[in-house]
Amino acid sequence: MSLNWDVTKCADADALTTEDQWPITDAMIWACMFTGIGTITEKNVAEFHARLIVGGYWMSEPLPYAEVRRYIGLSTNVFPEETRAKWLKRIIGQRMDDEVRKAERSQRLSNG
């Protein structure tokens, strides 16, 4: 299934699709899948931002809240919206699985 998106309802939609801004816009589109939130609204933008930070979406510095707010109106076909509890279970579960695999790999390597 493709990831469909629309920024035309964002306050400054044209600025979000410029060559300089596109890498951030592209990351925000994909972040909708990561956060389980398909449309960024005034009501859920703080939750969206928090999920990006708590989940470790950004490899380096996270986007400031003011920058994420520029994307209010971004919509994707990510549906239905994941509840916080379901999202936390998924993200923590993935992280736990990753850490268990790392530990098991380390153990196998040390046993030669």
PDB file of N, CA and C in Angstrom:
ATOM      1  N   MET A   1       0.844  -1.177   0.000  1.00  0.00           N
ATOM      2  CA  MET A   1       0.000   0.000   0.000  1.00  0.00           C
ATOM      3  C   MET A   1       0.893   1.245   0.000  1.00  0.00           C
ATOM      4  N   SER A   2       0.535   2.205  -0.788  1.00  0.00           N
ATOM      5  CA  SER A   2       1.312   3.444  -0.861  1.00  0.00           C
ATOM      6  C   SER A   2       0.955   4.375   0.293  1.00  0.00           C
ATOM      7  N   LEU A   3       1.882   5.246   0.604  1.00  0.00           N
ATOM      8  CA  LEU A   3       1.629   6.272   1.615  1.00  0.00           C
ATOM      9  C   LEU A   3       1.233   7.542   0.881  1.00  0.00           C
ATOM     10  N   ASN A   4      -0.031   7.904   0.963  1.00  0.00           N
ATOM     11  CA  ASN A   4      -0.539   9.112   0.316  1.00  0.00           C
ATOM     12  C   ASN A   4      -0.514  10.252   1.318  1.00  0.00           C
ATOM     13  N   TRP A   5      -0.276  11.462   0.834  1.00  0.00           N
ATOM     14  CA  TRP A   5      -0.155  12.617   1.725  1.00  0.00           C
ATOM     15  C   TRP A   5      -0.663  13.872   1.036  1.00  0.00           C
ATOM     16  N   ASP A   6      -0.950  14.880   1.874  1.00  0.00           N
ATOM     17  CA  ASP A   6      -1.448  16.163   1.375  1.00  0.00           C
ATOM     18  C   ASP A   6      -1.049  17.253   2.368  1.00  0.00           C
ATOM     19  N   VAL A   7      -0.380  18.289   1.876  1.00  0.00           N
ATOM     20  CA  VAL A   7       0.002  19.414   2.734  1.00  0.00           C
ATOM     21  C   VAL A   7      -0.775  20.682   2.391  1.00  0.00           C
ATOM     22  N   THR A   8      -1.735  20.591   1.489  1.00  0.00           N
ATOM     23  CA  THR A   8      -2.428  21.798   1.032  1.00  0.00           C
ATOM     24  C   THR A   8      -3.216  22.490   2.135  1.00  0.00           C
ATOM     25  N   LYS A   9      -3.528  21.788   3.217  1.00  0.00           N
ATOM     26  CA  LYS A   9      -4.267  22.416   4.321  1.00  0.00           C
ATOM     27  C   LYS A   9      -3.332  23.001   5.385  1.00  0.00           C
ATOM     28  N   CYS A  10      -2.032  22.875   5.183  1.00  0.00           N
ATOM     29  CA  CYS A  10      -1.068  23.500   6.094  1.00  0.00           C
ATOM     30  C   CYS A  10      -1.055  25.003   5.815  1.00  0.00           C
ATOM     31  N   ALA A  11      -0.801  25.794   6.843  1.00  0.00           N
ATOM     32  CA  ALA A  11      -0.855  27.254   6.713  1.00  0.00           C
ATOM     33  C   ALA A  11       0.076  27.790   5.629  1.00  0.00           C
ATOM     34  N   ASP A  12       1.274  27.234   5.513  1.00  0.00           N
ATOM     35  CA  ASP A  12       2.243  27.720   4.537  1.00  0.00           C
ATOM     36  C   ASP A  12       2.676  26.554   3.643  1.00  0.00           C
ATOM     37  N   ALA A  13       1.705  25.924   2.986  1.00  0.00           N
ATOM     38  CA  ALA A  13       1.935  24.707   2.213  1.00  0.00           C
ATOM     39  C   ALA A  13       3.033  24.864   1.168  1.00  0.00           C
ATOM     40  N   ASP A  14       3.065  25.978   0.473  1.00  0.00           N
ATOM     41  CA  ASP A  14       4.083  26.168  -0.574  1.00  0.00           C
ATOM     42  C   ASP A  14       5.498  26.124  -0.006  1.00  0.00           C
ATOM     43  N   ALA A  15       5.686  26.692   1.157  1.00  0.00           N
ATOM     44  CA  ALA A  15       7.009  26.708   1.777  1.00  0.00           C
ATOM     45  C   ALA A  15       7.454  25.307   2.204  1.00  0.00           C
ATOM     46  N   LEU A  16       6.495  24.420   2.473  1.00  0.00           N
ATOM     47  CA  LEU A  16       6.830  23.072   2.944  1.00  0.00           C
ATOM     48  C   LEU A  16       7.309  22.155   1.827  1.00  0.00           C
ATOM     49  N   THR A  17       7.114  22.576   0.588  1.00  0.00           N
ATOM     50  CA  THR A  17       7.513  21.724  -0.539  1.00  0.00           C
ATOM     51  C   THR A  17       8.676  22.303  -1.347  1.00  0.00           C
ATOM     52  N   THR A  18       9.340  23.313  -0.799  1.00  0.00           N
ATOM     53  CA  THR A  18      10.522  23.849  -1.480  1.00  0.00           C
ATOM     54  C   THR A  18      11.658  22.834  -1.389  1.00  0.00           C
ATOM     55  N   GLU A  19      12.636  23.007  -2.232  1.00  0.00           N
ATOM     56  CA  GLU A  19      13.769  22.081  -2.244  1.00  0.00           C
ATOM     57  C   GLU A  19      14.477  22.026  -0.889  1.00  0.00           C
ATOM     58  N   ASP A  20      14.647  23.182  -0.252  1.00  0.00           N
ATOM     59  CA  ASP A  20      15.325  23.222   1.048  1.00  0.00           C
ATOM     60  C   ASP A  20      14.504  22.566   2.151  1.00  0.00           C
ATOM     61  N   GLN A  21      13.198  22.733   2.115  1.00  0.00           N
ATOM     62  CA  GLN A  21      12.327  22.225   3.178  1.00  0.00           C
ATOM     63  C   GLN A  21      11.913  20.781   2.937  1.00  0.00           C
ATOM     64  N   TRP A  22      12.008  20.298   1.707  1.00  0.00           N
ATOM     65  CA  TRP A  22      11.472  18.981   1.368  1.00  0.00           C
ATOM     66  C   TRP A  22      12.000  17.851   2.251  1.00  0.00           C
ATOM     67  N   PRO A  23      13.293  17.789   2.597  1.00  0.00           N
ATOM     68  CA  PRO A  23      13.738  16.679   3.450  1.00  0.00           C
ATOM     69  C   PRO A  23      12.976  16.618   4.784  1.00  0.00           C
ATOM     70  N   ILE A  24      12.664  17.754   5.360  1.00  0.00           N
ATOM     71  CA  ILE A  24      11.906  17.766   6.616  1.00  0.00           C
ATOM     72  C   ILE A  24      10.467  17.359   6.350  1.00  0.00           C
ATOM     73  N   THR A  25       9.882  17.885   5.282  1.00  0.00           N
ATOM     74  CA  THR A  25       8.502  17.524   4.948  1.00  0.00           C
ATOM     75  C   THR A  25       8.394  16.030   4.682  1.00  0.00           C
ATOM     76  N   ASP A  26       9.329  15.484   3.938  1.00  0.00           N
ATOM     77  CA  ASP A  26       9.332  14.047   3.661  1.00  0.00           C
ATOM     78  C   ASP A  26       9.416  13.249   4.960  1.00  0.00           C
ATOM     79  N   ALA A  27      10.294  13.670   5.866  1.00  0.00           N
ATOM     80  CA  ALA A  27      10.423  12.989   7.160  1.00  0.00           C
ATOM     81  C   ALA A  27       9.124  13.086   7.963  1.00  0.00           C
ATOM     82  N   MET A  28       8.470  14.224   7.901  1.00  0.00           N
ATOM     83  CA  MET A  28       7.203  14.390   8.625  1.00  0.00           C
ATOM     84  C   MET A  28       6.107  13.504   8.053  1.00  0.00           C
ATOM     85  N   ILE A  29       6.095  13.342   6.744  1.00  0.00           N
ATOM     86  CA  ILE A  29       5.112  12.450   6.116  1.00  0.00           C
ATOM     87  C   ILE A  29       5.312  11.030   6.630  1.00  0.00           C
ATOM     88  N   TRP A  30       6.539  10.547   6.605  1.00  0.00           N
ATOM     89  CA  TRP A  30       6.833   9.197   7.091  1.00  0.00           C
ATOM     90  C   TRP A  30       6.634   9.092   8.599  1.00  0.00           C
ATOM     91  N   ALA A  31       6.818  10.197   9.301  1.00  0.00           N
ATOM     92  CA  ALA A  31       6.610  10.196  10.754  1.00  0.00           C
ATOM     93  C   ALA A  31       5.163   9.877  11.112  1.00  0.00           C
ATOM     94  N   CYS A  32       4.262  10.155  10.210  1.00  0.00           N
ATOM     95  CA  CYS A  32       2.855   9.813  10.474  1.00  0.00           C
ATOM     96  C   CYS A  32       2.704   8.313  10.682  1.00  0.00           C
ATOM     97  N   MET A  33       3.438   7.506   9.910  1.00  0.00           N
ATOM     98  CA  MET A  33       3.400   6.056  10.114  1.00  0.00           C
ATOM     99  C   MET A  33       4.027   5.693  11.453  1.00  0.00           C
ATOM    100  N   PHE A  34       5.168   6.310  11.753  1.00  0.00           N
ATOM    101  CA  PHE A  34       5.869   6.021  13.000  1.00  0.00           C
ATOM    102  C   PHE A  34       5.007   6.352  14.215  1.00  0.00           C
ATOM    103  N   THR A  35       4.345   7.510  14.178  1.00  0.00           N
ATOM    104  CA  THR A  35       3.550   7.950  15.333  1.00  0.00           C
ATOM    105  C   THR A  35       2.186   7.300  15.403  1.00  0.00           C
ATOM    106  N   GLY A  36       1.718   6.748  14.293  1.00  0.00           N
ATOM    107  CA  GLY A  36       0.372   6.198  14.257  1.00  0.00           C
ATOM    108  C   GLY A  36      -0.693   7.281  14.192  1.00  0.00           C
ATOM    109  N   ILE A  37      -0.290   8.478  13.804  1.00  0.00           N
ATOM    110  CA  ILE A  37      -1.208   9.621  13.689  1.00  0.00           C
ATOM    111  C   ILE A  37      -1.179  10.066  12.227  1.00  0.00           C
ATOM    112  N   GLY A  38      -2.301   9.918  11.540  1.00  0.00           N
ATOM    113  CA  GLY A  38      -2.351  10.174  10.110  1.00  0.00           C
ATOM    114  C   GLY A  38      -2.564  11.612   9.704  1.00  0.00           C
ATOM    115  N   THR A  39      -3.148  12.404  10.576  1.00  0.00           N
ATOM    116  CA  THR A  39      -3.406  13.810  10.282  1.00  0.00           C
ATOM    117  C   THR A  39      -2.962  14.640  11.473  1.00  0.00           C
ATOM    118  N   ILE A  40      -2.155  15.645  11.221  1.00  0.00           N
ATOM    119  CA  ILE A  40      -1.687  16.512  12.302  1.00  0.00           C
ATOM    120  C   ILE A  40      -2.687  17.658  12.447  1.00  0.00           C
ATOM    121  N   THR A  41      -3.222  17.790  13.638  1.00  0.00           N
ATOM    122  CA  THR A  41      -4.214  18.825  13.928  1.00  0.00           C
ATOM    123  C   THR A  41      -3.760  19.666  15.112  1.00  0.00           C
ATOM    124  N   GLU A  42      -4.450  20.755  15.321  1.00  0.00           N
ATOM    125  CA  GLU A  42      -4.181  21.590  16.496  1.00  0.00           C
ATOM    126  C   GLU A  42      -4.351  20.768  17.774  1.00  0.00           C
ATOM    127  N   LYS A  43      -5.306  19.873  17.758  1.00  0.00           N
ATOM    128  CA  LYS A  43      -5.625  19.072  18.941  1.00  0.00           C
ATOM    129  C   LYS A  43      -4.563  18.004  19.239  1.00  0.00           C
ATOM    130  N   ASN A  44      -3.919  17.448  18.202  1.00  0.00           N
ATOM    131  CA  ASN A  44      -2.993  16.343  18.459  1.00  0.00           C
ATOM    132  C   ASN A  44      -1.517  16.654  18.191  1.00  0.00           C
ATOM    133  N   VAL A  45      -1.193  17.900  17.830  1.00  0.00           N
ATOM    134  CA  VAL A  45       0.187  18.225  17.466  1.00  0.00           C
ATOM    135  C   VAL A  45       1.156  18.007  18.626  1.00  0.00           C
ATOM    136  N   ALA A  46       0.757  18.286  19.845  1.00  0.00           N
ATOM    137  CA  ALA A  46       1.649  18.062  20.992  1.00  0.00           C
ATOM    138  C   ALA A  46       1.904  16.565  21.182  1.00  0.00           C
ATOM    139  N   GLU A  47       0.873  15.750  21.035  1.00  0.00           N
ATOM    140  CA  GLU A  47       1.020  14.286  21.133  1.00  0.00           C
ATOM    141  C   GLU A  47       1.928  13.777  20.013  1.00  0.00           C
ATOM    142  N   PHE A  48       1.727  14.279  18.808  1.00  0.00           N
ATOM    143  CA  PHE A  48       2.550  13.895  17.663  1.00  0.00           C
ATOM    144  C   PHE A  48       4.021  14.199  17.959  1.00  0.00           C
ATOM    145  N   HIS A  49       4.290  15.419  18.408  1.00  0.00           N
ATOM    146  CA  HIS A  49       5.661  15.840  18.725  1.00  0.00           C
ATOM    147  C   HIS A  49       6.256  14.966  19.830  1.00  0.00           C
ATOM    148  N   ALA A  50       5.482  14.708  20.862  1.00  0.00           N
ATOM    149  CA  ALA A  50       5.975  13.883  21.968  1.00  0.00           C
ATOM    150  C   ALA A  50       6.315  12.466  21.500  1.00  0.00           C
ATOM    151  N   ARG A  51       5.485  11.901  20.630  1.00  0.00           N
ATOM    152  CA  ARG A  51       5.769  10.554  20.127  1.00  0.00           C
ATOM    153  C   ARG A  51       7.057  10.527  19.311  1.00  0.00           C
ATOM    154  N   LEU A  52       7.326  11.575  18.559  1.00  0.00           N
ATOM    155  CA  LEU A  52       8.578  11.638  17.807  1.00  0.00           C
ATOM    156  C   LEU A  52       9.775  11.600  18.753  1.00  0.00           C
ATOM    157  N   ILE A  53       9.676  12.349  19.832  1.00  0.00           N
ATOM    158  CA  ILE A  53      10.797  12.424  20.779  1.00  0.00           C
ATOM    159  C   ILE A  53      10.915  11.148  21.600  1.00  0.00           C
ATOM    160  N   VAL A  54       9.820  10.719  22.211  1.00  0.00           N
ATOM    161  CA  VAL A  54       9.844   9.526  23.061  1.00  0.00           C
ATOM    162  C   VAL A  54      10.243   8.290  22.261  1.00  0.00           C
ATOM    163  N   GLY A  55       9.761   8.209  21.035  1.00  0.00           N
ATOM    164  CA  GLY A  55      10.069   7.052  20.198  1.00  0.00           C
ATOM    165  C   GLY A  55      11.440   7.085  19.562  1.00  0.00           C
ATOM    166  N   GLY A  56      12.136   8.228  19.665  1.00  0.00           N
ATOM    167  CA  GLY A  56      13.469   8.341  19.090  1.00  0.00           C
ATOM    168  C   GLY A  56      13.465   8.400  17.572  1.00  0.00           C
ATOM    169  N   TYR A  57      12.460   9.058  17.000  1.00  0.00           N
ATOM    170  CA  TYR A  57      12.346   9.123  15.538  1.00  0.00           C
ATOM    171  C   TYR A  57      13.521   9.817  14.880  1.00  0.00           C
ATOM    172  N   TRP A  58      13.988  10.901  15.470  1.00  0.00           N
ATOM    173  CA  TRP A  58      15.092  11.662  14.880  1.00  0.00           C
ATOM    174  C   TRP A  58      16.405  11.061  15.330  1.00  0.00           C
ATOM    175  N   MET A  59      17.308  10.874  14.398  1.00  0.00           N
ATOM    176  CA  MET A  59      18.599  10.279  14.729  1.00  0.00           C
ATOM    177  C   MET A  59      19.476  11.249  15.510  1.00  0.00           C
ATOM    178  N   SER A  60      19.284  12.530  15.308  1.00  0.00           N
ATOM    179  CA  SER A  60      20.088  13.518  16.031  1.00  0.00           C
ATOM    180  C   SER A  60      19.140  14.429  16.800  1.00  0.00           C
ATOM    181  N   GLU A  61      19.198  15.713  16.524  1.00  0.00           N
ATOM    182  CA  GLU A  61      18.338  16.676  17.212  1.00  0.00           C
ATOM    183  C   GLU A  61      16.902  16.572  16.722  1.00  0.00           C
ATOM    184  N   PRO A  62      15.946  16.429  17.635  1.00  0.00           N
ATOM    185  CA  PRO A  62      14.549  16.406  17.199  1.00  0.00           C
ATOM    186  C   PRO A  62      14.100  17.784  16.699  1.00  0.00           C
ATOM    187  N   LEU A  63      13.095  17.788  15.863  1.00  0.00           N
ATOM    188  CA  LEU A  63      12.542  19.061  15.399  1.00  0.00           C
ATOM    189  C   LEU A  63      11.923  19.797  16.572  1.00  0.00           C
ATOM    190  N   PRO A  64      12.145  21.080  16.668  1.00  0.00           N
ATOM    191  CA  PRO A  64      11.480  21.851  17.727  1.00  0.00           C
ATOM    192  C   PRO A  64       9.960  21.828  17.524  1.00  0.00           C
ATOM    193  N   TYR A  65       9.266  21.972  18.613  1.00  0.00           N
ATOM    194  CA  TYR A  65       7.795  21.966  18.579  1.00  0.00           C
ATOM    195  C   TYR A  65       7.258  22.996  17.589  1.00  0.00           C
ATOM    196  N   ALA A  66       7.849  24.173  17.542  1.00  0.00           N
ATOM    197  CA  ALA A  66       7.392  25.224  16.618  1.00  0.00           C
ATOM    198  C   ALA A  66       7.493  24.759  15.165  1.00  0.00           C
ATOM    199  N   GLU A  67       8.512  24.007  14.847  1.00  0.00           N
ATOM    200  CA  GLU A  67       8.671  23.497  13.478  1.00  0.00           C
ATOM    201  C   GLU A  67       7.609  22.440  13.172  1.00  0.00           C
ATOM    202  N   VAL A  68       7.342  21.569  14.123  1.00  0.00           N
ATOM    203  CA  VAL A  68       6.306  20.541  13.921  1.00  0.00           C
ATOM    204  C   VAL A  68       4.946  21.205  13.729  1.00  0.00           C
ATOM    205  N   ARG A  69       4.695  22.290  14.451  1.00  0.00           N
ATOM    206  CA  ARG A  69       3.417  23.012  14.317  1.00  0.00           C
ATOM    207  C   ARG A  69       3.186  23.515  12.890  1.00  0.00           C
ATOM    208  N   ARG A  70       4.235  23.773  12.150  1.00  0.00           N
ATOM    209  CA  ARG A  70       4.079  24.216  10.761  1.00  0.00           C
ATOM    210  C   ARG A  70       3.339  23.172   9.920  1.00  0.00           C
ATOM    211  N   TYR A  71       3.327  21.935  10.399  1.00  0.00           N
ATOM    212  CA  TYR A  71       2.717  20.832   9.655  1.00  0.00           C
ATOM    213  C   TYR A  71       1.279  20.534  10.081  1.00  0.00           C
ATOM    214  N   ILE A  72       0.707  21.391  10.916  1.00  0.00           N
ATOM    215  CA  ILE A  72      -0.718  21.226  11.229  1.00  0.00           C
ATOM    216  C   ILE A  72      -1.476  21.334   9.908  1.00  0.00           C
ATOM    217  N   GLY A  73      -2.259  20.330   9.616  1.00  0.00           N
ATOM    218  CA  GLY A  73      -2.974  20.252   8.342  1.00  0.00           C
ATOM    219  C   GLY A  73      -2.446  19.148   7.443  1.00  0.00           C
ATOM    220  N   LEU A  74      -1.222  18.654   7.713  1.00  0.00           N
ATOM    221  CA  LEU A  74      -0.681  17.530   6.957  1.00  0.00           C
ATOM    222  C   LEU A  74      -1.585  16.323   7.179  1.00  0.00           C
ATOM    223  N   SER A  75      -1.989  15.698   6.098  1.00  0.00           N
ATOM    224  CA  SER A  75      -2.803  14.487   6.234  1.00  0.00           C
ATOM    225  C   SER A  75      -2.215  13.376   5.371  1.00  0.00           C
ATOM    226  N   THR A  76      -2.361  12.160   5.863  1.00  0.00           N
ATOM    227  CA  THR A  76      -1.894  10.972   5.154  1.00  0.00           C
ATOM    228  C   THR A  76      -2.996   9.916   5.236  1.00  0.00           C
ATOM    229  N   ASN A  77      -2.756   8.803   4.586  1.00  0.00           N
ATOM    230  CA  ASN A  77      -3.707   7.706   4.660  1.00  0.00           C
ATOM    231  C   ASN A  77      -3.372   6.719   5.779  1.00  0.00           C
ATOM    232  N   VAL A  78      -2.631   7.174   6.787  1.00  0.00           N
ATOM    233  CA  VAL A  78      -2.376   6.361   7.976  1.00  0.00           C
ATOM    234  C   VAL A  78      -3.656   6.381   8.797  1.00  0.00           C
ATOM    235  N   PHE A  79      -4.284   5.220   8.924  1.00  0.00           N
ATOM    236  CA  PHE A  79      -5.578   5.148   9.584  1.00  0.00           C
ATOM    237  C   PHE A  79      -5.777   3.731  10.092  1.00  0.00           C
ATOM    238  N   PRO A  80      -6.421   3.497  11.199  1.00  0.00           N
ATOM    239  CA  PRO A  80      -6.938   4.480  12.149  1.00  0.00           C
ATOM    240  C   PRO A  80      -5.825   5.000  13.052  1.00  0.00           C
ATOM    241  N   GLU A  81      -6.102   6.100  13.739  1.00  0.00           N
ATOM    242  CA  GLU A  81      -5.119   6.667  14.652  1.00  0.00           C
ATOM    243  C   GLU A  81      -4.864   5.689  15.783  1.00  0.00           C
ATOM    244  N   GLU A  82      -3.591   5.455  16.065  1.00  0.00           N
ATOM    245  CA  GLU A  82      -3.199   4.549  17.133  1.00  0.00           C
ATOM    246  C   GLU A  82      -3.343   5.242  18.483  1.00  0.00           C
ATOM    247  N   THR A  83      -3.964   4.575  19.428  1.00  0.00           N
ATOM    248  CA  THR A  83      -4.057   5.150  20.770  1.00  0.00           C
ATOM    249  C   THR A  83      -2.657   5.227  21.366  1.00  0.00           C
ATOM    250  N   ARG A  84      -2.508   6.052  22.379  1.00  0.00           N
ATOM    251  CA  ARG A  84      -1.211   6.173  23.039  1.00  0.00           C
ATOM    252  C   ARG A  84      -0.767   4.820  23.603  1.00  0.00           C
ATOM    253  N   ALA A  85      -1.682   4.105  24.236  1.00  0.00           N
ATOM    254  CA  ALA A  85      -1.335   2.812  24.834  1.00  0.00           C
ATOM    255  C   ALA A  85      -0.862   1.818  23.766  1.00  0.00           C
ATOM    256  N   LYS A  86      -1.565   1.750  22.661  1.00  0.00           N
ATOM    257  CA  LYS A  86      -1.180   0.823  21.589  1.00  0.00           C
ATOM    258  C   LYS A  86       0.163   1.245  20.986  1.00  0.00           C
ATOM    259  N   TRP A  87       0.359   2.553  20.804  1.00  0.00           N
ATOM    260  CA  TRP A  87       1.604   3.054  20.247  1.00  0.00           C
ATOM    261  C   TRP A  87       2.768   2.718  21.179  1.00  0.00           C
ATOM    262  N   LEU A  88       2.605   2.987  22.470  1.00  0.00           N
ATOM    263  CA  LEU A  88       3.670   2.686  23.433  1.00  0.00           C
ATOM    264  C   LEU A  88       4.009   1.202  23.436  1.00  0.00           C
ATOM    265  N   LYS A  89       2.997   0.366  23.399  1.00  0.00           N
ATOM    266  CA  LYS A  89       3.218  -1.084  23.382  1.00  0.00           C
ATOM    267  C   LYS A  89       4.025  -1.483  22.145  1.00  0.00           C
ATOM    268  N   ARG A  90       3.679  -0.920  20.996  1.00  0.00           N
ATOM    269  CA  ARG A  90       4.388  -1.245  19.752  1.00  0.00           C
ATOM    270  C   ARG A  90       5.831  -0.763  19.807  1.00  0.00           C
ATOM    271  N   ILE A  91       6.046   0.475  20.186  1.00  0.00           N
ATOM    272  CA  ILE A  91       7.396   1.056  20.182  1.00  0.00           C
ATOM    273  C   ILE A  91       8.286   0.397  21.234  1.00  0.00           C
ATOM    274  N   ILE A  92       7.780   0.262  22.452  1.00  0.00           N
ATOM    275  CA  ILE A  92       8.581  -0.369  23.512  1.00  0.00           C
ATOM    276  C   ILE A  92       8.830  -1.835  23.181  1.00  0.00           C
ATOM    277  N   GLY A  93       7.840  -2.506  22.619  1.00  0.00           N
ATOM    278  CA  GLY A  93       8.008  -3.901  22.213  1.00  0.00           C
ATOM    279  C   GLY A  93       9.111  -4.045  21.175  1.00  0.00           C
ATOM    280  N   GLN A  94       9.127  -3.158  20.188  1.00  0.00           N
ATOM    281  CA  GLN A  94      10.176  -3.205  19.163  1.00  0.00           C
ATOM    282  C   GLN A  94      11.543  -2.941  19.768  1.00  0.00           C
ATOM    283  N   ARG A  95      11.621  -1.973  20.641  1.00  0.00           N
ATOM    284  CA  ARG A  95      12.913  -1.663  21.276  1.00  0.00           C
ATOM    285  C   ARG A  95      13.391  -2.829  22.142  1.00  0.00           C
ATOM    286  N   MET A  96      12.484  -3.425  22.893  1.00  0.00           N
ATOM    287  CA  MET A  96      12.853  -4.575  23.718  1.00  0.00           C
ATOM    288  C   MET A  96      13.340  -5.723  22.848  1.00  0.00           C
ATOM    289  N   ASP A  97      12.623  -6.022  21.773  1.00  0.00           N
ATOM    290  CA  ASP A  97      13.037  -7.090  20.868  1.00  0.00           C
ATOM    291  C   ASP A  97      14.423  -6.814  20.306  1.00  0.00           C
ATOM    292  N   ASP A  98      14.684  -5.574  19.914  1.00  0.00           N
ATOM    293  CA  ASP A  98      16.003  -5.205  19.389  1.00  0.00           C
ATOM    294  C   ASP A  98      17.099  -5.422  20.420  1.00  0.00           C
ATOM    295  N   GLU A  99      16.848  -5.014  21.663  1.00  0.00           N
ATOM    296  CA  GLU A  99      17.859  -5.155  22.709  1.00  0.00           C
ATOM    297  C   GLU A  99      18.104  -6.621  23.063  1.00  0.00           C
ATOM    298  N   VAL A 100      17.059  -7.437  23.061  1.00  0.00           N
ATOM    299  CA  VAL A 100      17.222  -8.874  23.319  1.00  0.00           C
ATOM    300  C   VAL A 100      18.065  -9.496  22.215  1.00  0.00           C
ATOM    301  N   ARG A 101      17.780  -9.158  20.957  1.00  0.00           N
ATOM    302  CA  ARG A 101      18.571  -9.692  19.841  1.00  0.00           C
ATOM    303  C   ARG A 101      20.032  -9.270  19.952  1.00  0.00           C
ATOM    304  N   LYS A 102      20.286  -8.017  20.325  1.00  0.00           N
ATOM    305  CA  LYS A 102      21.666  -7.547  20.485  1.00  0.00           C
ATOM    306  C   LYS A 102      22.382  -8.346  21.571  1.00  0.00           C
ATOM    307  N   ALA A 103      21.711  -8.549  22.692  1.00  0.00           N
ATOM    308  CA  ALA A 103      22.326  -9.288  23.797  1.00  0.00           C
ATOM    309  C   ALA A 103      22.608 -10.735  23.391  1.00  0.00           C
ATOM    310  N   GLU A 104      21.652 -11.357  22.709  1.00  0.00           N
ATOM    311  CA  GLU A 104      21.845 -12.749  22.275  1.00  0.00           C
ATOM    312  C   GLU A 104      22.984 -12.858  21.260  1.00  0.00           C
ATOM    313  N   ARG A 105      23.076 -11.896  20.339  1.00  0.00           N
ATOM    314  CA  ARG A 105      24.154 -11.881  19.351  1.00  0.00           C
ATOM    315  C   ARG A 105      25.496 -11.717  20.054  1.00  0.00           C
ATOM    316  N   SER A 106      25.544 -10.808  21.021  1.00  0.00           N
ATOM    317  CA  SER A 106      26.772 -10.589  21.772  1.00  0.00           C
ATOM    318  C   SER A 106      27.196 -11.856  22.503  1.00  0.00           C
ATOM    319  N   GLN A 107      26.230 -12.534  23.091  1.00  0.00           N
ATOM    320  CA  GLN A 107      26.523 -13.789  23.813  1.00  0.00           C
ATOM    321  C   GLN A 107      27.066 -14.842  22.852  1.00  0.00           C
ATOM    322  N   ARG A 108      26.451 -14.986  21.685  1.00  0.00           N
ATOM    323  CA  ARG A 108      26.921 -15.973  20.699  1.00  0.00           C
ATOM    324  C   ARG A 108      28.349 -15.654  20.252  1.00  0.00           C
ATOM    325  N   LEU A 109      28.634 -14.370  20.026  1.00  0.00           N
ATOM    326  CA  LEU A 109      29.980 -13.984  19.589  1.00  0.00           C
ATOM    327  C   LEU A 109      31.022 -14.231  20.672  1.00  0.00           C
ATOM    328  N   SER A 110      30.661 -13.995  21.926  1.00  0.00           N
ATOM    329  CA  SER A 110      31.629 -14.177  23.008  1.00  0.00           C
ATOM    330  C   SER A 110      31.859 -15.658  23.304  1.00  0.00           C
ATOM    331  N   ASN A 111      30.909 -16.518  22.948  1.00  0.00           N
ATOM    332  CA  ASN A 111      31.075 -17.959  23.151  1.00  0.00           C
ATOM    333  C   ASN A 111      31.849 -18.606  22.005  1.00  0.00           C
ATOM    334  N   GLY A 112      32.079 -17.821  20.960  1.00  0.00           N
ATOM    335  CA  GLY A 112      32.895 -18.237  19.836  1.00  0.00           C
ATOM    336  C   GLY A 112      32.269 -19.234  18.997  1.00  0.00           C
TER     337      GLY A 112
END
